[in-house]
Amino acid sequence: MLHEPAAKTEKDAASAWKAKLGIKLFWLYCIIYMGFVGIAVFSPETMKKPVLAGTNLAIVYGMALIIFAIILGLVYNHVCTKKEDELNGKAGEAK
């Protein structure tokens, strides 16, 4: 039995733009993550120091990385949706 997509898809005019943005956000996250790894490798004693309400830097930085990844995902989704609407000519239809 042949199954077709539930929704018809059109060519995405924003595809290249979204890919470039995704790569930029990926490298931004990588740089911040490299900071975490760098501290852990070259200054492990720094990771043990309490920085926020008695919680050490390793925990705070690690949780911040997780929260930052979620925020980046939400920002990416929001910005890409706006760009899709703009480039696919649907900006006025949403209202």
C-alpha atoms as a PDB file:
ATOM      1  CA  MET A   1       0.000   0.000   0.000  1.00  0.00           C
ATOM      2  CA  LEU A   2       1.354   3.428  -0.972  1.00  0.00           C
ATOM      3  CA  HIS A   3       1.155   6.107   1.678  1.00  0.00           C
ATOM      4  CA  GLU A   4       1.306   9.767   0.699  1.00  0.00           C
ATOM      5  CA  PRO A   5       2.047  12.714   3.016  1.00  0.00           C
ATOM      6  CA  ALA A   6      -0.915  13.991   5.022  1.00  0.00           C
ATOM      7  CA  ALA A   7      -0.212  17.576   3.991  1.00  0.00           C
ATOM      8  CA  LYS A   8       0.914  18.803   0.613  1.00  0.00           C
ATOM      9  CA  THR A   9       4.339  20.388   0.728  1.00  0.00           C
ATOM     10  CA  GLU A  10       5.560  23.231  -1.412  1.00  0.00           C
ATOM     11  CA  LYS A  11       9.047  24.404  -2.276  1.00  0.00           C
ATOM     12  CA  ASP A  12      10.511  26.243   0.699  1.00  0.00           C
ATOM     13  CA  ALA A  13      11.999  29.520  -0.506  1.00  0.00           C
ATOM     14  CA  ALA A  14      13.652  30.032   2.896  1.00  0.00           C
ATOM     15  CA  SER A  15      15.459  26.687   2.959  1.00  0.00           C
ATOM     16  CA  ALA A  16      18.954  28.019   2.185  1.00  0.00           C
ATOM     17  CA  TRP A  17      18.520  30.915   4.597  1.00  0.00           C
ATOM     18  CA  LYS A  18      17.400  28.583   7.390  1.00  0.00           C
ATOM     19  CA  ALA A  19      20.342  26.260   6.783  1.00  0.00           C
ATOM     20  CA  LYS A  20      22.814  29.158   7.082  1.00  0.00           C
ATOM     21  CA  LEU A  21      21.166  30.368  10.283  1.00  0.00           C
ATOM     22  CA  GLY A  22      21.231  26.847  11.712  1.00  0.00           C
ATOM     23  CA  ILE A  23      24.955  26.535  11.023  1.00  0.00           C
ATOM     24  CA  LYS A  24      25.654  29.918  12.644  1.00  0.00           C
ATOM     25  CA  LEU A  25      23.692  28.984  15.771  1.00  0.00           C
ATOM     26  CA  PHE A  26      25.423  25.595  15.864  1.00  0.00           C
ATOM     27  CA  TRP A  27      28.874  27.251  15.844  1.00  0.00           C
ATOM     28  CA  LEU A  28      27.763  29.754  18.494  1.00  0.00           C
ATOM     29  CA  TYR A  29      26.743  26.867  20.738  1.00  0.00           C
ATOM     30  CA  CYS A  30      29.980  25.003  19.962  1.00  0.00           C
ATOM     31  CA  ILE A  31      32.091  27.984  21.016  1.00  0.00           C
ATOM     32  CA  ILE A  32      30.245  28.281  24.318  1.00  0.00           C
ATOM     33  CA  TYR A  33      30.482  24.517  24.851  1.00  0.00           C
ATOM     34  CA  MET A  34      34.226  24.621  24.078  1.00  0.00           C
ATOM     35  CA  GLY A  35      34.524  27.109  26.945  1.00  0.00           C
ATOM     36  CA  PHE A  36      32.953  24.549  29.264  1.00  0.00           C
ATOM     37  CA  VAL A  37      35.250  21.776  28.046  1.00  0.00           C
ATOM     38  CA  GLY A  38      38.281  24.071  28.188  1.00  0.00           C
ATOM     39  CA  ILE A  39      37.657  24.972  31.801  1.00  0.00           C
ATOM     40  CA  ALA A  40      37.059  21.327  32.699  1.00  0.00           C
ATOM     41  CA  VAL A  41      40.294  20.204  31.021  1.00  0.00           C
ATOM     42  CA  PHE A  42      42.682  23.026  31.814  1.00  0.00           C
ATOM     43  CA  SER A  43      41.323  24.257  35.140  1.00  0.00           C
ATOM     44  CA  PRO A  44      39.283  21.538  36.836  1.00  0.00           C
ATOM     45  CA  GLU A  45      39.632  23.261  40.214  1.00  0.00           C
ATOM     46  CA  THR A  46      37.677  26.207  38.808  1.00  0.00           C
ATOM     47  CA  MET A  47      34.738  23.902  38.122  1.00  0.00           C
ATOM     48  CA  LYS A  48      34.563  23.048  41.833  1.00  0.00           C
ATOM     49  CA  LYS A  49      34.155  26.647  42.986  1.00  0.00           C
ATOM     50  CA  PRO A  50      30.690  27.684  44.164  1.00  0.00           C
ATOM     51  CA  VAL A  51      29.211  30.424  41.974  1.00  0.00           C
ATOM     52  CA  LEU A  52      25.449  30.510  42.517  1.00  0.00           C
ATOM     53  CA  ALA A  53      23.775  29.781  45.847  1.00  0.00           C
ATOM     54  CA  GLY A  54      26.520  27.327  46.769  1.00  0.00           C
ATOM     55  CA  THR A  55      26.273  25.406  43.498  1.00  0.00           C
ATOM     56  CA  ASN A  56      29.571  24.838  41.736  1.00  0.00           C
ATOM     57  CA  LEU A  57      30.492  26.190  38.306  1.00  0.00           C
ATOM     58  CA  ALA A  58      30.265  22.782  36.634  1.00  0.00           C
ATOM     59  CA  ILE A  59      26.580  22.401  37.524  1.00  0.00           C
ATOM     60  CA  VAL A  60      25.678  26.018  36.779  1.00  0.00           C
ATOM     61  CA  TYR A  61      27.536  26.054  33.436  1.00  0.00           C
ATOM     62  CA  GLY A  62      26.116  22.659  32.447  1.00  0.00           C
ATOM     63  CA  MET A  63      22.548  23.688  33.231  1.00  0.00           C
ATOM     64  CA  ALA A  64      23.109  26.987  31.424  1.00  0.00           C
ATOM     65  CA  LEU A  65      24.230  25.036  28.349  1.00  0.00           C
ATOM     66  CA  ILE A  66      21.020  23.022  28.388  1.00  0.00           C
ATOM     67  CA  ILE A  67      18.842  26.103  28.851  1.00  0.00           C
ATOM     68  CA  PHE A  68      20.808  27.963  26.168  1.00  0.00           C
ATOM     69  CA  ALA A  69      20.248  25.092  23.701  1.00  0.00           C
ATOM     70  CA  ILE A  70      16.499  25.232  24.328  1.00  0.00           C
ATOM     71  CA  ILE A  71      16.478  29.022  23.894  1.00  0.00           C
ATOM     72  CA  LEU A  72      18.467  28.726  20.659  1.00  0.00           C
ATOM     73  CA  GLY A  73      15.921  26.210  19.365  1.00  0.00           C
ATOM     74  CA  LEU A  74      13.018  28.497  20.194  1.00  0.00           C
ATOM     75  CA  VAL A  75      14.739  31.505  18.622  1.00  0.00           C
ATOM     76  CA  TYR A  76      15.566  29.458  15.514  1.00  0.00           C
ATOM     77  CA  ASN A  77      11.965  28.317  15.190  1.00  0.00           C
ATOM     78  CA  HIS A  78      10.563  31.826  15.628  1.00  0.00           C
ATOM     79  CA  VAL A  79      12.990  33.512  13.235  1.00  0.00           C
ATOM     80  CA  CYS A  80      12.641  30.797  10.601  1.00  0.00           C
ATOM     81  CA  THR A  81       8.846  30.918  10.738  1.00  0.00           C
ATOM     82  CA  LYS A  82       8.922  34.667  10.138  1.00  0.00           C
ATOM     83  CA  LYS A  83      11.379  34.255   7.270  1.00  0.00           C
ATOM     84  CA  GLU A  84       9.303  31.469   5.706  1.00  0.00           C
ATOM     85  CA  ASP A  85       6.208  33.637   5.821  1.00  0.00           C
ATOM     86  CA  GLU A  86       8.118  36.553   4.327  1.00  0.00           C
ATOM     87  CA  LEU A  87       9.766  34.623   1.497  1.00  0.00           C
ATOM     88  CA  ASN A  88       6.818  32.396   0.700  1.00  0.00           C
ATOM     89  CA  GLY A  89       4.477  35.393   0.497  1.00  0.00           C
ATOM     90  CA  LYS A  90       2.284  34.521   3.464  1.00  0.00           C
ATOM     91  CA  ALA A  91       3.012  37.482   5.741  1.00  0.00           C
ATOM     92  CA  GLY A  92      -0.328  39.127   5.064  1.00  0.00           C
ATOM     93  CA  GLU A  93      -2.407  35.942   5.165  1.00  0.00           C
ATOM     94  CA  ALA A  94      -1.776  35.206   8.856  1.00  0.00           C
ATOM     95  CA  LYS A  95      -3.922  38.119  10.039  1.00  0.00           C
END
